[in-house]
Structure formats: structure tokens, C-alpha cells
């Protein structure tokens, strides 16, 4: 019999027993009560052992749950740390990439400025050289024209003189 059943039977015996007049006491059969007490004693250890096992299992389950919880928390912390580290690495890589791009832009802008300055310098030099060459060509052409004019003038003088000589020979 279970403890609850024994206790219920004891309660029924007590409620069904007769009252002692003018008191709050009842008369119960001693043998019935002794038998139920013995049964209670016999039933208690097995149920106490069962209760102890349940408490022990409960404690073990709680400890395992706590240990599992601690492991999960540690894993979460490790994962968070890893993500934080990866995020930091990603952020540092992004910063380095941005710095490289910025430096490359600055260098390309500097190179472009230098190339534009060099091109302007070369163009200026070429314009000066072309201007000097044009002036030299004009001066040379002027000298050639003066020489041609002088030669033509001398040739014209020779032709005129020859023409005059020829006229004079026929007039004679």
C-alpha cells in the first residue's frame, strides 16, 4: 500500500470511530491503528528512497542543465569574441583598403598634375621653338628675297645695259 492510501485509511478510521462524551477525543481500535502504523513504516522507506532518488535526479538534472547552460554561454562568448575579432579584422582591412585607394588617388592626381605640367612645359617650349623657327625662317626668307632682289636688280641692270648697247649699235 502507498503512504497516501494508508493515511487515507487512518483518516477514515478516525472519522468513523466513536467520540468520548464531552471531549474532543475519539476512541479507535488499537489493533487497526497499530497495523496501519506498521504498514506506514514499511511503505515509507520505499517511498522515501523513491523521493530521495527523485530529489537526487532532480539535482543531477539541474546540475547538468547548469553545466550545459555554462557551456552554451561560453560558446556564445567565444562566438561573440570571434565575430568581434572578425569584425575588427574586416574593419581594419576596410580601413587599409580605403587608405590604399586614397593614396592611389593622391598619387594618380599628383602624377596627372606632373604630367599636365610637363605637357604644358613641352607645349610652351614647342611653341617657343616654333616661333623662333618661324622667325628664323622669315629672316632667312627675307635674306633670300633681298639676295634674289639684288641679283634680279643686277640682272635687270645687265639686261637694260645690254638692251641699250643693242639699241646703240643699231643706231649707228
N, C-alpha and C. Protein backbone atom coordinates (compact mmCIF):
# COMPACT_ATOMS: atom_id res chain seq x y z
N UNK A 1 0.83 -1.17 0.00
CA UNK A 1 0.00 0.00 0.00
C UNK A 1 0.89 1.25 0.00
N UNK A 2 0.38 2.32 -0.66
CA UNK A 2 1.12 3.58 -0.70
C UNK A 2 0.83 4.39 0.55
N UNK A 3 1.73 5.29 0.81
CA UNK A 3 1.61 6.12 2.01
C UNK A 3 0.31 6.89 1.99
N UNK A 4 -0.07 7.42 0.84
CA UNK A 4 -1.30 8.21 0.75
C UNK A 4 -2.53 7.35 1.09
N UNK A 5 -2.51 6.13 0.59
CA UNK A 5 -3.64 5.22 0.86
C UNK A 5 -3.72 4.88 2.35
N UNK A 6 -2.57 4.64 2.95
CA UNK A 6 -2.54 4.30 4.39
C UNK A 6 -3.06 5.48 5.20
N UNK A 7 -2.60 6.67 4.86
CA UNK A 7 -3.04 7.87 5.58
C UNK A 7 -4.54 8.09 5.40
N UNK A 8 -5.04 7.82 4.22
CA UNK A 8 -6.47 7.98 3.96
C UNK A 8 -7.28 6.96 4.81
N UNK A 9 -6.79 5.74 4.90
CA UNK A 9 -7.48 4.72 5.73
C UNK A 9 -7.44 5.12 7.20
N UNK A 10 -6.31 5.67 7.65
CA UNK A 10 -6.21 6.12 9.05
C UNK A 10 -7.22 7.24 9.31
N UNK A 11 -7.36 8.14 8.34
CA UNK A 11 -8.31 9.24 8.49
C UNK A 11 -9.75 8.70 8.54
N UNK A 12 -10.06 7.71 7.70
CA UNK A 12 -11.41 7.10 7.70
C UNK A 12 -11.70 6.43 9.05
N UNK A 13 -10.73 5.69 9.58
CA UNK A 13 -10.92 5.03 10.89
C UNK A 13 -11.17 6.07 11.96
N UNK A 14 -10.41 7.16 11.89
CA UNK A 14 -10.58 8.21 12.90
C UNK A 14 -11.96 8.85 12.79
N UNK A 15 -12.40 9.14 11.57
CA UNK A 15 -13.69 9.79 11.38
C UNK A 15 -14.87 8.85 11.72
N UNK A 16 -14.68 7.56 11.53
CA UNK A 16 -15.75 6.60 11.80
C UNK A 16 -15.77 6.13 13.27
N UNK A 17 -14.73 6.44 13.99
CA UNK A 17 -14.69 5.99 15.41
C UNK A 17 -15.61 6.84 16.27
N UNK A 18 -15.95 6.29 17.41
CA UNK A 18 -16.87 6.97 18.31
C UNK A 18 -16.18 8.07 19.10
N UNK A 19 -17.01 9.03 19.54
CA UNK A 19 -16.49 10.15 20.33
C UNK A 19 -16.60 9.85 21.82
N UNK A 20 -15.66 10.46 22.54
CA UNK A 20 -15.75 10.39 24.01
C UNK A 20 -16.64 11.56 24.40
N UNK A 21 -17.72 11.26 25.18
CA UNK A 21 -18.66 12.33 25.52
C UNK A 21 -17.95 13.49 26.24
N UNK A 22 -18.36 14.69 25.92
CA UNK A 22 -17.93 15.95 26.49
C UNK A 22 -16.45 16.26 26.26
N UNK A 23 -15.84 15.59 25.27
CA UNK A 23 -14.44 15.89 24.93
C UNK A 23 -14.30 15.94 23.42
N UNK A 24 -13.15 16.30 23.04
CA UNK A 24 -12.83 16.37 21.62
C UNK A 24 -12.05 15.13 21.21
N UNK A 25 -12.20 14.04 21.94
CA UNK A 25 -11.42 12.84 21.73
C UNK A 25 -12.27 11.77 21.10
N UNK A 26 -11.56 10.81 20.44
CA UNK A 26 -12.25 9.70 19.79
C UNK A 26 -11.63 8.39 20.26
N UNK A 27 -12.42 7.33 20.17
CA UNK A 27 -11.96 6.00 20.54
C UNK A 27 -11.72 5.23 19.24
N UNK A 28 -10.49 4.73 19.05
CA UNK A 28 -10.16 3.97 17.85
C UNK A 28 -9.69 2.60 18.26
N UNK A 29 -9.80 1.66 17.34
CA UNK A 29 -9.31 0.31 17.59
C UNK A 29 -7.81 0.36 17.56
N UNK A 30 -7.23 -0.09 18.65
CA UNK A 30 -5.78 -0.05 18.78
C UNK A 30 -5.13 -0.96 17.73
N UNK A 31 -5.65 -2.15 17.50
CA UNK A 31 -5.06 -3.10 16.55
C UNK A 31 -5.08 -2.52 15.12
N UNK A 32 -6.23 -1.91 14.75
CA UNK A 32 -6.32 -1.35 13.40
C UNK A 32 -5.28 -0.24 13.22
N UNK A 33 -5.16 0.62 14.23
CA UNK A 33 -4.23 1.73 14.14
C UNK A 33 -2.80 1.22 14.14
N UNK A 34 -2.45 0.23 14.95
CA UNK A 34 -1.10 -0.33 15.02
C UNK A 34 -0.75 -0.96 13.67
N UNK A 35 -1.72 -1.71 13.11
CA UNK A 35 -1.47 -2.34 11.80
C UNK A 35 -1.17 -1.26 10.75
N UNK A 36 -1.95 -0.18 10.71
CA UNK A 36 -1.74 0.88 9.72
C UNK A 36 -0.41 1.61 9.93
N UNK A 37 -0.03 1.78 11.21
CA UNK A 37 1.25 2.42 11.51
C UNK A 37 2.39 1.55 10.99
N UNK A 38 2.28 0.20 11.20
CA UNK A 38 3.31 -0.72 10.69
C UNK A 38 3.38 -0.65 9.16
N UNK A 39 2.20 -0.64 8.53
CA UNK A 39 2.18 -0.54 7.07
C UNK A 39 2.80 0.78 6.61
N UNK A 40 2.53 1.82 7.35
CA UNK A 40 3.09 3.13 7.03
C UNK A 40 4.60 3.09 7.13
N UNK A 41 5.10 2.43 8.21
CA UNK A 41 6.54 2.31 8.38
C UNK A 41 7.15 1.52 7.22
N UNK A 42 6.49 0.46 6.80
CA UNK A 42 7.00 -0.37 5.71
C UNK A 42 6.98 0.41 4.38
N UNK A 43 5.91 1.17 4.16
CA UNK A 43 5.76 1.88 2.90
C UNK A 43 6.67 3.11 2.82
N UNK A 44 6.93 3.72 3.94
CA UNK A 44 7.70 4.97 3.97
C UNK A 44 9.11 4.79 3.41
N UNK A 45 9.85 3.79 3.84
CA UNK A 45 11.22 3.72 3.33
C UNK A 45 11.29 3.61 1.82
N UNK A 46 10.41 2.78 1.22
CA UNK A 46 10.49 2.65 -0.25
C UNK A 46 10.11 3.98 -0.91
N UNK A 47 9.12 4.65 -0.37
CA UNK A 47 8.72 5.92 -0.95
C UNK A 47 9.74 7.02 -0.63
N UNK A 48 10.36 6.92 0.56
CA UNK A 48 11.42 7.89 0.88
C UNK A 48 12.62 7.68 -0.03
N UNK A 49 12.94 6.41 -0.29
CA UNK A 49 14.04 6.11 -1.22
C UNK A 49 13.68 6.68 -2.60
N UNK A 50 12.42 6.44 -3.03
CA UNK A 50 11.96 6.96 -4.32
C UNK A 50 12.02 8.49 -4.34
N UNK A 51 11.59 9.12 -3.26
CA UNK A 51 11.65 10.59 -3.16
C UNK A 51 13.09 11.06 -3.18
N UNK A 52 13.96 10.33 -2.46
CA UNK A 52 15.39 10.68 -2.46
C UNK A 52 15.98 10.56 -3.85
N UNK A 53 15.58 9.46 -4.56
CA UNK A 53 16.06 9.28 -5.92
C UNK A 53 15.57 10.42 -6.82
N UNK A 54 14.31 10.79 -6.65
CA UNK A 54 13.74 11.89 -7.44
C UNK A 54 14.49 13.19 -7.15
N UNK A 55 14.74 13.45 -5.86
CA UNK A 55 15.48 14.67 -5.49
C UNK A 55 16.88 14.62 -6.07
N UNK A 56 17.50 13.42 -5.97
CA UNK A 56 18.85 13.26 -6.49
C UNK A 56 18.86 13.46 -8.01
N UNK A 57 17.86 12.83 -8.68
CA UNK A 57 17.76 13.00 -10.13
C UNK A 57 17.52 14.46 -10.49
N UNK A 58 16.66 15.08 -9.71
CA UNK A 58 16.36 16.49 -9.94
C UNK A 58 17.63 17.32 -9.81
N UNK A 59 18.40 17.05 -8.74
CA UNK A 59 19.64 17.78 -8.51
C UNK A 59 20.63 17.54 -9.65
N UNK A 60 20.73 16.26 -10.06
CA UNK A 60 21.64 15.91 -11.17
C UNK A 60 21.20 16.62 -12.45
N UNK A 61 19.90 16.59 -12.73
CA UNK A 61 19.37 17.25 -13.93
C UNK A 61 19.64 18.75 -13.88
N UNK A 62 19.44 19.35 -12.71
CA UNK A 62 19.71 20.78 -12.56
C UNK A 62 21.19 21.09 -12.78
N UNK A 63 22.05 20.23 -12.22
CA UNK A 63 23.49 20.45 -12.38
C UNK A 63 23.90 20.31 -13.85
N UNK A 64 23.34 19.26 -14.51
CA UNK A 64 23.63 19.07 -15.93
C UNK A 64 23.13 20.26 -16.75
N UNK A 65 21.93 20.72 -16.41
CA UNK A 65 21.36 21.87 -17.11
C UNK A 65 22.23 23.11 -16.89
N UNK A 66 22.69 23.29 -15.65
CA UNK A 66 23.56 24.43 -15.35
C UNK A 66 24.87 24.32 -16.12
N UNK A 67 25.44 23.10 -16.14
CA UNK A 67 26.69 22.88 -16.86
C UNK A 67 26.49 23.14 -18.36
N UNK A 68 25.38 22.64 -18.90
CA UNK A 68 25.07 22.85 -20.32
C UNK A 68 24.88 24.34 -20.59
N UNK A 69 24.19 25.01 -19.66
CA UNK A 69 23.96 26.44 -19.79
C UNK A 69 25.30 27.19 -19.78
N UNK A 70 26.18 26.80 -18.85
CA UNK A 70 27.51 27.43 -18.79
C UNK A 70 28.28 27.21 -20.08
N UNK A 71 28.19 25.98 -20.63
CA UNK A 71 28.88 25.68 -21.88
C UNK A 71 28.33 26.54 -23.02
N UNK A 72 27.01 26.64 -23.07
CA UNK A 72 26.38 27.45 -24.13
C UNK A 72 26.80 28.90 -23.99
N UNK A 73 26.84 29.39 -22.75
CA UNK A 73 27.25 30.79 -22.53
C UNK A 73 28.70 30.98 -22.97
N UNK A 74 29.57 30.01 -22.63
CA UNK A 74 30.98 30.10 -23.04
C UNK A 74 31.10 30.07 -24.56
N UNK A 75 30.32 29.17 -25.18
CA UNK A 75 30.34 29.10 -26.65
C UNK A 75 29.85 30.41 -27.25
N UNK A 76 28.81 30.96 -26.67
CA UNK A 76 28.27 32.24 -27.17
C UNK A 76 29.30 33.35 -27.01
N UNK A 77 29.97 33.36 -25.85
CA UNK A 77 31.01 34.37 -25.62
C UNK A 77 32.15 34.20 -26.62
N UNK A 78 32.57 32.94 -26.85
CA UNK A 78 33.64 32.67 -27.81
C UNK A 78 33.21 33.10 -29.21
N UNK A 79 31.96 32.76 -29.56
CA UNK A 79 31.45 33.13 -30.88
C UNK A 79 31.38 34.66 -31.01
N UNK A 80 30.91 35.30 -29.97
CA UNK A 80 30.84 36.77 -29.96
C UNK A 80 32.23 37.35 -30.10
N UNK A 81 33.17 36.80 -29.36
CA UNK A 81 34.56 37.27 -29.44
C UNK A 81 35.11 37.07 -30.85
N UNK A 82 34.81 35.89 -31.43
CA UNK A 82 35.26 35.60 -32.79
C UNK A 82 34.65 36.60 -33.77
N UNK A 83 33.33 36.83 -33.62
CA UNK A 83 32.67 37.79 -34.51
C UNK A 83 33.25 39.18 -34.34
N UNK A 84 33.52 39.52 -33.08
CA UNK A 84 34.10 40.83 -32.79
C UNK A 84 35.48 40.93 -33.44
N UNK A 85 36.28 39.84 -33.29
CA UNK A 85 37.60 39.83 -33.90
C UNK A 85 37.49 39.90 -35.41
N UNK A 86 36.56 39.11 -35.99
CA UNK A 86 36.38 39.14 -37.44
C UNK A 86 35.90 40.51 -37.89
N UNK A 87 35.01 41.10 -37.10
CA UNK A 87 34.51 42.43 -37.42
C UNK A 87 35.66 43.44 -37.36
N UNK A 88 36.51 43.29 -36.34
CA UNK A 88 37.66 44.18 -36.21
C UNK A 88 38.59 44.00 -37.40
N UNK A 89 38.86 42.74 -37.75
CA UNK A 89 39.74 42.46 -38.89
C UNK A 89 39.13 43.02 -40.16
N UNK A 90 37.83 42.81 -40.34
CA UNK A 90 37.15 43.33 -41.53
C UNK A 90 37.23 44.86 -41.56
N UNK A 91 36.98 45.48 -40.40
CA UNK A 91 37.03 46.94 -40.33
C UNK A 91 38.45 47.44 -40.62
N UNK A 92 39.47 46.75 -40.07
CA UNK A 92 40.85 47.15 -40.32
C UNK A 92 41.20 46.97 -41.79
N UNK A 93 40.75 45.86 -42.38
CA UNK A 93 41.01 45.62 -43.80
C UNK A 93 40.33 46.69 -44.64
N UNK A 94 39.10 47.06 -44.26
CA UNK A 94 38.38 48.10 -44.99
C UNK A 94 39.11 49.44 -44.87
N UNK A 95 39.60 49.73 -43.66
CA UNK A 95 40.34 50.98 -43.46
C UNK A 95 41.61 50.98 -44.29
N UNK A 96 42.32 49.84 -44.30
CA UNK A 96 43.54 49.75 -45.11
C UNK A 96 43.22 49.90 -46.59
N UNK A 97 42.15 49.25 -47.03
CA UNK A 97 41.75 49.36 -48.43
C UNK A 97 41.41 50.81 -48.77
N UNK A 98 40.67 51.48 -47.87
CA UNK A 98 40.33 52.89 -48.09
C UNK A 98 41.59 53.74 -48.15
N UNK A 99 42.53 53.44 -47.27
CA UNK A 99 43.79 54.19 -47.24
C UNK A 99 44.57 53.97 -48.53
N UNK A 100 44.60 52.71 -49.00
CA UNK A 100 45.30 52.40 -50.25
C UNK A 100 44.65 53.13 -51.41
N UNK A 101 43.30 53.11 -51.46
CA UNK A 101 42.58 53.80 -52.53
C UNK A 101 42.85 55.30 -52.46
N UNK A 102 42.81 55.85 -51.25
CA UNK A 102 43.07 57.29 -51.08
C UNK A 102 44.48 57.63 -51.54
N UNK A 103 45.46 56.82 -51.10
CA UNK A 103 46.85 57.06 -51.51
C UNK A 103 47.01 56.91 -53.02
N UNK A 104 46.35 55.91 -53.59
CA UNK A 104 46.44 55.70 -55.04
C UNK A 104 45.84 56.90 -55.77
N UNK A 105 44.71 57.40 -55.26
CA UNK A 105 44.10 58.60 -55.89
C UNK A 105 45.04 59.79 -55.80
N UNK A 106 45.62 59.99 -54.59
CA UNK A 106 46.53 61.12 -54.42
C UNK A 106 47.72 60.99 -55.37
N UNK A 107 48.27 59.75 -55.44
CA UNK A 107 49.42 59.54 -56.31
C UNK A 107 49.04 59.74 -57.77
N UNK A 108 47.85 59.24 -58.17
CA UNK A 108 47.44 59.41 -59.56
C UNK A 108 47.17 60.88 -59.87
N UNK A 109 46.56 61.59 -58.90
CA UNK A 109 46.32 63.02 -59.09
C UNK A 109 47.65 63.76 -59.20
N UNK A 110 48.61 63.39 -58.34
CA UNK A 110 49.93 64.02 -58.38
C UNK A 110 50.61 63.72 -59.72
N UNK A 111 50.54 62.45 -60.15
CA UNK A 111 51.15 62.05 -61.42
C UNK A 111 50.48 62.79 -62.57
N UNK A 112 49.15 62.92 -62.52
CA UNK A 112 48.41 63.63 -63.55
C UNK A 112 48.82 65.11 -63.57
N UNK A 113 48.92 65.71 -62.38
CA UNK A 113 49.34 67.13 -62.31
C UNK A 113 50.73 67.29 -62.90
N UNK A 114 51.63 66.37 -62.50
CA UNK A 114 53.01 66.45 -63.01
C UNK A 114 53.03 66.26 -64.53
N UNK A 115 52.21 65.32 -65.04
CA UNK A 115 52.14 65.08 -66.48
C UNK A 115 51.58 66.31 -67.20
N UNK A 116 50.54 66.91 -66.60
CA UNK A 116 49.96 68.11 -67.21
C UNK A 116 50.97 69.26 -67.20
N UNK A 117 51.70 69.40 -66.09
CA UNK A 117 52.72 70.45 -66.02
C UNK A 117 53.81 70.21 -67.06
N UNK A 118 54.24 68.93 -67.17
CA UNK A 118 55.29 68.58 -68.14
C UNK A 118 54.78 68.83 -69.55
N UNK A 119 53.51 68.42 -69.82
CA UNK A 119 52.93 68.63 -71.14
C UNK A 119 52.84 70.13 -71.46
N UNK A 120 52.44 70.92 -70.47
CA UNK A 120 52.35 72.37 -70.67
C UNK A 120 53.74 72.94 -70.93
N UNK A 121 54.73 72.44 -70.21
CA UNK A 121 56.11 72.89 -70.38
C UNK A 121 56.60 72.53 -71.79
N UNK A 122 56.33 71.27 -72.21
CA UNK A 122 56.75 70.83 -73.54
C UNK A 122 56.03 71.65 -74.62
N UNK A 123 54.73 71.89 -74.42
CA UNK A 123 53.95 72.68 -75.38
C UNK A 123 54.49 74.10 -75.46
N UNK A 124 54.77 74.68 -74.30
CA UNK A 124 55.33 76.04 -74.25
C UNK A 124 56.67 76.09 -74.98
N UNK A 125 57.51 75.08 -74.70
CA UNK A 125 58.83 75.01 -75.34
C UNK A 125 58.67 74.83 -76.85
N UNK A 126 57.70 73.97 -77.22
CA UNK A 126 57.46 73.74 -78.65
C UNK A 126 56.96 75.01 -79.33
N UNK A 127 56.08 75.74 -78.64
CA UNK A 127 55.58 76.99 -79.21
C UNK A 127 56.72 78.01 -79.37
N UNK A 128 57.58 78.07 -78.34
CA UNK A 128 58.72 79.00 -78.43
C UNK A 128 59.65 78.58 -79.57
N UNK A 129 59.90 77.25 -79.66
CA UNK A 129 60.78 76.76 -80.73
C UNK A 129 60.15 77.03 -82.09
N UNK A 130 58.83 76.80 -82.20
CA UNK A 130 58.14 77.05 -83.47
C UNK A 130 58.19 78.53 -83.81
N UNK A 131 58.02 79.37 -82.79
CA UNK A 131 58.06 80.81 -83.01
C UNK A 131 59.46 81.24 -83.46
N UNK A 132 60.47 80.69 -82.78
CA UNK A 132 61.86 81.01 -83.16
C UNK A 132 62.15 80.51 -84.56
N UNK A 133 61.68 79.28 -84.86
CA UNK A 133 61.90 78.71 -86.18
C UNK A 133 61.18 79.55 -87.24
N UNK A 134 59.96 79.98 -86.92
CA UNK A 134 59.21 80.82 -87.86
C UNK A 134 59.94 82.14 -88.08
N UNK A 135 60.48 82.71 -86.99
CA UNK A 135 61.21 83.97 -87.10
C UNK A 135 62.50 83.76 -87.91
N UNK A 136 63.18 82.64 -87.61
CA UNK A 136 64.41 82.34 -88.36
C UNK A 136 64.08 82.11 -89.83
N UNK A 137 62.96 81.38 -90.10
CA UNK A 137 62.55 81.13 -91.48
C UNK A 137 62.20 82.44 -92.17
N UNK A 138 61.51 83.33 -91.47
CA UNK A 138 61.14 84.62 -92.05
C UNK A 138 62.39 85.45 -92.33
N UNK A 139 63.32 85.39 -91.39
CA UNK A 139 64.56 86.15 -91.57
C UNK A 139 65.36 85.59 -92.75
N UNK A 140 65.40 84.25 -92.82
CA UNK A 140 66.11 83.60 -93.93
C UNK A 140 65.44 83.92 -95.24
N UNK A 141 64.09 83.84 -95.25
CA UNK A 141 63.35 84.16 -96.48
C UNK A 141 63.59 85.61 -96.88
N UNK A 142 63.63 86.50 -95.89
CA UNK A 142 63.88 87.91 -96.16
C UNK A 142 65.26 88.09 -96.78
N UNK A 143 66.25 87.37 -96.23
CA UNK A 143 67.61 87.45 -96.78
C UNK A 143 67.65 86.90 -98.21
N UNK A 144 66.94 85.76 -98.42
CA UNK A 144 66.91 85.17 -99.76
C UNK A 144 66.24 86.13 -100.74
N UNK A 145 65.10 86.74 -100.29
CA UNK A 145 64.41 87.68 -101.17
C UNK A 145 65.30 88.89 -101.46
N UNK A 146 66.01 89.37 -100.47
CA UNK A 146 66.91 90.51 -100.70
C UNK A 146 68.02 90.12 -101.69
N UNK A 147 68.52 88.89 -101.53
CA UNK A 147 69.57 88.41 -102.43
C UNK A 147 69.02 88.25 -103.84
N UNK A 148 67.81 87.63 -103.93
CA UNK A 148 67.17 87.45 -105.23
C UNK A 148 66.89 88.83 -105.84
N UNK A 149 66.39 89.74 -104.99
CA UNK A 149 66.09 91.09 -105.49
C UNK A 149 67.36 91.77 -105.98
N UNK A 150 68.42 91.58 -105.21
CA UNK A 150 69.70 92.19 -105.61
C UNK A 150 70.17 91.56 -106.93
N UNK A 151 70.07 90.22 -107.00
CA UNK A 151 70.50 89.53 -108.23
C UNK A 151 69.60 89.95 -109.40
N UNK A 152 68.28 90.01 -109.13
CA UNK A 152 67.36 90.42 -110.18
C UNK A 152 67.63 91.87 -110.60
N UNK A 153 67.90 92.67 -109.60
CA UNK A 153 68.19 94.08 -109.89
C UNK A 153 69.46 94.18 -110.75
N UNK A 154 70.46 93.39 -110.39
CA UNK A 154 71.72 93.39 -111.16
C UNK A 154 71.47 92.81 -112.55
N UNK A 155 70.66 91.74 -112.59
CA UNK A 155 70.36 91.12 -113.88
C UNK A 155 69.55 92.11 -114.73
N UNK A 156 68.63 92.82 -114.09
CA UNK A 156 67.82 93.80 -114.81
C UNK A 156 68.72 94.91 -115.34
N UNK A 157 69.66 95.30 -114.48
CA UNK A 157 70.61 96.33 -114.92
C UNK A 157 71.43 95.82 -116.12
N UNK A 158 71.84 94.56 -116.04
CA UNK A 158 72.63 93.97 -117.14
C UNK A 158 71.78 93.88 -118.39
N UNK A 159 70.50 93.47 -118.23
CA UNK A 159 69.59 93.36 -119.37
C UNK A 159 69.36 94.76 -119.94
N UNK A 160 69.16 95.74 -119.14
CA UNK A 160 68.93 97.11 -119.62
C UNK A 160 70.17 97.64 -120.35
N UNK A 161 71.29 97.34 -119.73
CA UNK A 161 72.54 97.80 -120.37
C UNK A 161 72.73 97.10 -121.70
N UNK A 162 72.45 95.80 -121.71
CA UNK A 162 72.57 95.05 -122.98
C UNK A 162 71.57 95.57 -123.98
N UNK A 163 70.39 95.91 -123.57
CA UNK A 163 69.37 96.44 -124.44
C UNK A 163 69.81 97.80 -124.96
N UNK A 164 70.35 98.60 -124.13
CA UNK A 164 70.83 99.93 -124.51
C UNK A 164 72.00 99.80 -125.48
N UNK A 165 72.88 98.86 -125.20
CA UNK A 165 74.02 98.65 -126.10
C UNK A 165 73.51 98.19 -127.47
N UNK A 166 72.55 97.34 -127.44
CA UNK A 166 71.99 96.81 -128.67
C UNK A 166 71.31 97.95 -129.44
N UNK A 167 70.62 98.79 -128.77
CA UNK A 167 69.96 99.92 -129.41
C UNK A 167 70.99 100.84 -130.00
N UNK A 168 72.03 101.02 -129.34
CA UNK A 168 73.06 101.94 -129.82
C UNK A 168 73.79 101.31 -131.00
N UNK A 169 73.94 100.12 -131.06
CA UNK A 169 74.61 99.51 -132.21
C UNK A 169 73.71 99.61 -133.44
N UNK A 170 72.49 99.53 -133.29
CA UNK A 170 71.60 99.62 -134.43
C UNK A 170 71.43 101.10 -134.83
N UNK A 171 71.67 101.96 -134.09
CA UNK A 171 71.55 103.36 -134.39
C UNK A 171 72.81 103.83 -135.07
N UNK A 172 73.66 103.33 -135.01
CA UNK A 172 74.86 103.77 -135.62
C UNK A 172 74.86 103.48 -137.01
